[in-house]
Protein backbone atom coordinates (compact mmCIF):
# COMPACT_ATOMS: atom_id res chain seq x y z
CA MET A 1 0.00 0.00 0.00
CA SER A 2 1.18 3.48 -0.76
CA SER A 3 2.56 5.61 2.05
CA ILE A 4 0.91 8.65 0.46
CA PRO A 5 -2.10 9.65 2.58
CA PHE A 6 -5.45 9.34 0.85
CA ARG A 7 -7.11 12.60 -0.21
CA THR A 8 -10.72 12.46 -1.22
CA PRO A 9 -11.74 14.44 -4.32
CA ILE A 10 -14.92 15.54 -2.53
CA PRO A 11 -14.67 18.63 -0.26
CA VAL A 12 -17.57 17.79 2.12
CA GLU A 13 -18.30 14.68 4.14
CA ALA A 14 -22.10 14.73 3.84
CA LEU A 15 -25.13 16.65 2.64
CA GLN A 16 -28.61 16.00 3.96
CA SER A 17 -32.14 17.27 3.73
CA ASP A 18 -33.80 19.16 6.58
CA ASP A 19 -36.02 16.28 7.59
CA ARG A 20 -33.25 13.68 6.86
CA PRO A 21 -35.08 11.36 4.42
CA LEU A 22 -32.12 11.85 2.06
CA GLU A 23 -28.38 11.98 2.61
CA LEU A 24 -25.43 12.15 0.20
CA ARG A 25 -22.15 11.04 1.78
CA ASP A 26 -18.52 10.83 0.65
CA ARG A 27 -17.14 7.35 1.32
CA SER A 28 -14.01 7.65 -0.81
CA THR A 29 -11.72 6.76 2.10
CA TYR A 30 -13.06 3.18 2.07
CA THR A 31 -10.60 0.47 1.09
CA LYS A 32 -11.44 -0.67 -2.47
CA ILE A 33 -9.90 -3.89 -3.81
CA LEU A 34 -10.58 -5.55 -7.17
CA LEU A 35 -10.21 -9.32 -7.53
CA ARG A 36 -10.30 -10.98 -10.98
CA GLU A 37 -10.29 -14.71 -11.48
CA ARG A 38 -7.81 -16.14 -13.95
CA LYS A 39 -9.06 -17.98 -17.03
CA GLY A 40 -10.54 -21.35 -16.18
CA GLU A 41 -11.20 -20.51 -12.53
CA ASP A 42 -14.61 -20.08 -10.87
CA PHE A 43 -14.66 -18.10 -7.63
CA SER A 44 -18.41 -17.47 -7.36
CA GLY A 45 -18.85 -20.47 -5.08
CA GLU A 46 -15.75 -19.82 -3.00
CA LEU A 47 -16.66 -16.18 -2.39
CA GLY A 48 -20.37 -16.89 -2.04
CA VAL A 49 -21.16 -13.98 -4.36
CA LYS A 50 -22.30 -14.27 -7.97
CA TYR A 51 -22.20 -11.60 -10.67
CA GLY A 52 -24.86 -8.98 -9.91
CA GLU A 53 -24.99 -9.75 -6.18
CA SER A 54 -23.28 -8.50 -3.05
CA LYS A 55 -22.73 -9.84 0.44
CA LEU A 56 -21.57 -8.23 3.68
CA ARG A 57 -18.88 -10.29 5.41
CA THR A 58 -18.50 -10.48 9.18
CA ASP A 59 -15.36 -8.29 9.02
CA GLY A 60 -17.43 -5.41 7.57
CA THR A 61 -16.23 -5.93 3.98
CA LEU A 62 -18.88 -5.70 1.28
CA VAL A 63 -18.09 -8.16 -1.54
CA CYS A 64 -19.73 -7.24 -4.87
CA GLY A 65 -19.99 -9.35 -8.02
CA SER A 66 -19.09 -6.39 -10.24
CA ARG A 67 -18.73 -8.24 -13.55
CA PRO A 68 -18.48 -11.88 -14.61
CA GLY A 69 -15.30 -13.21 -12.98
CA GLU A 70 -14.67 -9.93 -11.14
CA TRP A 71 -15.40 -8.81 -7.57
CA THR A 72 -14.93 -5.51 -5.78
CA PHE A 73 -14.32 -5.47 -2.03
CA TYR A 74 -15.31 -2.35 -0.07
CA ASN A 75 -14.35 -1.89 3.57
CA PRO A 76 -14.99 1.27 5.62
CA SER A 77 -11.61 1.09 7.34
CA ALA A 78 -8.07 1.43 5.99
CA VAL A 79 -7.44 -2.32 5.89
CA ALA A 80 -6.10 -2.61 2.36
CA ASN A 81 -2.93 -4.48 3.34
CA SER A 82 -4.69 -7.07 5.51
CA LEU A 83 -7.49 -7.51 2.97
CA ILE A 84 -4.96 -7.99 0.16
CA GLN A 85 -3.05 -10.53 2.28
CA THR A 86 -6.28 -12.48 2.82
CA LEU A 87 -7.01 -12.48 -0.92
CA GLU A 88 -3.43 -13.43 -1.80
CA THR A 89 -4.10 -16.85 -0.28
CA TYR A 90 -5.83 -17.63 -3.61
CA GLY A 91 -2.38 -17.47 -5.22
CA ASP A 92 -1.99 -17.42 -8.99
CA ARG A 93 -5.67 -18.19 -9.48
CA VAL A 94 -6.53 -14.47 -9.14
CA ALA A 95 -5.27 -11.00 -9.99
CA ILE A 96 -5.61 -8.41 -7.21
CA THR A 97 -5.62 -4.63 -7.70
CA ASN A 98 -5.83 -2.01 -4.98
CA LEU A 99 -8.25 0.67 -6.26
CA THR A 100 -8.38 2.72 -3.06
CA HIS A 101 -6.53 5.76 -4.42
CA GLY A 102 -7.97 5.52 -7.93
CA ARG A 103 -11.71 5.45 -7.22
CA ALA A 104 -14.17 7.82 -5.57
CA LEU A 105 -16.99 6.27 -3.56
CA MET A 106 -20.17 7.92 -2.33
CA SER A 107 -23.54 6.87 -0.97
CA VAL A 108 -27.09 8.07 -1.51
CA GLU A 109 -29.21 7.10 1.49
CA GLY A 110 -32.84 7.39 2.49
CA ASN A 111 -36.33 6.77 1.15
CA SER A 112 -35.80 9.16 -1.78
CA ALA A 113 -32.47 7.61 -2.87
CA GLY A 114 -33.94 5.55 -5.72
CA SER A 115 -36.05 8.46 -6.98
CA LEU A 116 -33.01 10.76 -6.97
CA LEU A 117 -30.96 8.25 -8.97
CA GLU A 118 -33.79 7.74 -11.48
CA LYS A 119 -33.54 11.47 -12.36
CA ILE A 120 -29.96 11.05 -13.65
CA CYS A 121 -29.79 7.38 -14.62
CA ASN A 122 -31.89 5.29 -17.01
CA ILE A 123 -32.34 2.42 -14.51
CA ASP A 124 -35.59 1.59 -12.69
CA PHE A 125 -34.49 1.72 -9.02
CA SER A 126 -37.68 0.15 -7.64
CA ASP A 127 -37.28 -2.65 -5.08
CA ALA A 128 -38.42 -5.21 -7.66
CA MET A 129 -35.78 -4.21 -10.20
CA VAL A 130 -32.90 -3.30 -7.86
CA PRO A 131 -33.36 -5.26 -4.62
CA ASP A 132 -31.10 -4.99 -1.60
CA GLY A 133 -27.78 -6.67 -2.50
CA ALA A 134 -27.92 -5.85 -6.23
CA SER A 135 -24.58 -4.97 -7.85
CA PHE A 136 -24.43 -3.47 -11.36
CA SER A 137 -22.87 -0.84 -13.60
CA ALA A 138 -24.61 2.14 -15.17
CA SER A 139 -24.13 5.66 -16.42
CA VAL A 140 -25.12 8.09 -13.66
CA GLY A 141 -25.10 11.73 -14.71
CA ALA A 142 -23.06 10.67 -17.77
CA VAL A 143 -20.39 9.10 -15.52
CA SER A 144 -19.64 5.37 -15.74
CA CYS A 145 -20.29 3.94 -12.25
CA ASP A 146 -20.41 0.69 -10.33
CA LEU A 147 -23.46 0.69 -8.05
CA VAL A 148 -24.45 -1.50 -5.13
CA ARG A 149 -27.63 -1.46 -3.11
CA ALA A 150 -26.52 -2.16 0.45
CA ASP A 151 -29.44 -1.32 2.76
CA SER A 152 -28.93 -1.26 6.50
CA ASP A 153 -31.59 0.57 8.50
CA GLN A 154 -32.57 2.50 5.35
CA VAL A 155 -32.19 2.35 1.57
CA LEU A 156 -28.53 2.88 0.64
CA PHE A 157 -26.83 2.93 -2.74
CA LEU A 158 -23.03 3.01 -3.07
CA LEU A 159 -21.65 4.57 -6.26
CA SER A 160 -18.04 4.15 -7.32
CA CYS A 161 -16.39 5.96 -10.22
CA GLU A 162 -12.96 6.99 -11.41
CA ARG A 163 -11.45 9.42 -8.92
CA SER A 164 -11.15 12.20 -11.52
CA PHE A 165 -14.96 12.22 -11.91
CA GLY A 166 -15.69 12.04 -8.17
CA LEU A 167 -16.34 15.71 -7.46
CA TYR A 168 -18.40 16.16 -10.63
CA LEU A 169 -20.58 13.12 -9.82
CA PHE A 170 -21.05 14.32 -6.24
CA LYS A 171 -22.20 17.72 -7.58
CA VAL A 172 -24.59 16.05 -10.05
CA LEU A 173 -26.09 13.94 -7.24
CA ALA A 174 -26.35 17.01 -5.00
CA ASP A 175 -28.08 18.99 -7.76
CA ALA A 176 -30.58 16.18 -8.38
CA GLY A 177 -31.16 15.94 -4.63
CA LYS A 178 -32.34 19.56 -4.32
CA GLU A 179 -35.79 18.45 -5.50
CA PHE A 180 -35.91 16.13 -2.47
CA GLY A 181 -34.83 18.79 0.02
CA LEU A 182 -31.07 18.21 -0.03
CA ILE A 183 -29.30 21.31 1.25
CA VAL A 184 -26.39 22.13 -1.09
CA PRO A 185 -23.80 24.81 -0.25
CA PRO A 186 -22.99 27.31 -3.05
CA GLU A 187 -19.50 25.87 -3.62
CA LEU A 188 -21.08 22.57 -4.70
CA ASP A 189 -23.56 24.16 -7.09
CA LEU A 190 -23.47 22.48 -10.46
CA HIS A 191 -24.68 25.53 -12.40
């Protein structure tokens, strides 16, 4: 892991609406690890996560079936080295990439989260189409993103994108959230 401290591309930790049914939060400091299986391997069974699904492990790591033969691991703490060491036990059967410094990560939380995302993405975010645990890719505000629905006590969507688009995507989400009462400071205004 790099000795360079992580700097998020997003200047605020969270935005919320007055009555708190909606919150937009920067989660870029999460550890983000990509695991790809080598040709001829099948890790779906070993990881317990298929393409399009996600699962929260007991250590707090969210494992997402990002693409066929590819999983992204998200952990809220700075555990990249220990997580990589755990994954290295698979040996030459996998390729491991630390994405922590190269990806922005944010969450949209609350009852209005799906409606907000539907304004800037052509996906139906209803419970029937995107249930808790769903993992998929889509264009959100014209930014290519990996998304995961990871509800806890409320609806929660995680969105990951290339770090260089992080601030722009956060501003797009904030702008779309104004309709739902999200309070956006002037420095994050999109227009």
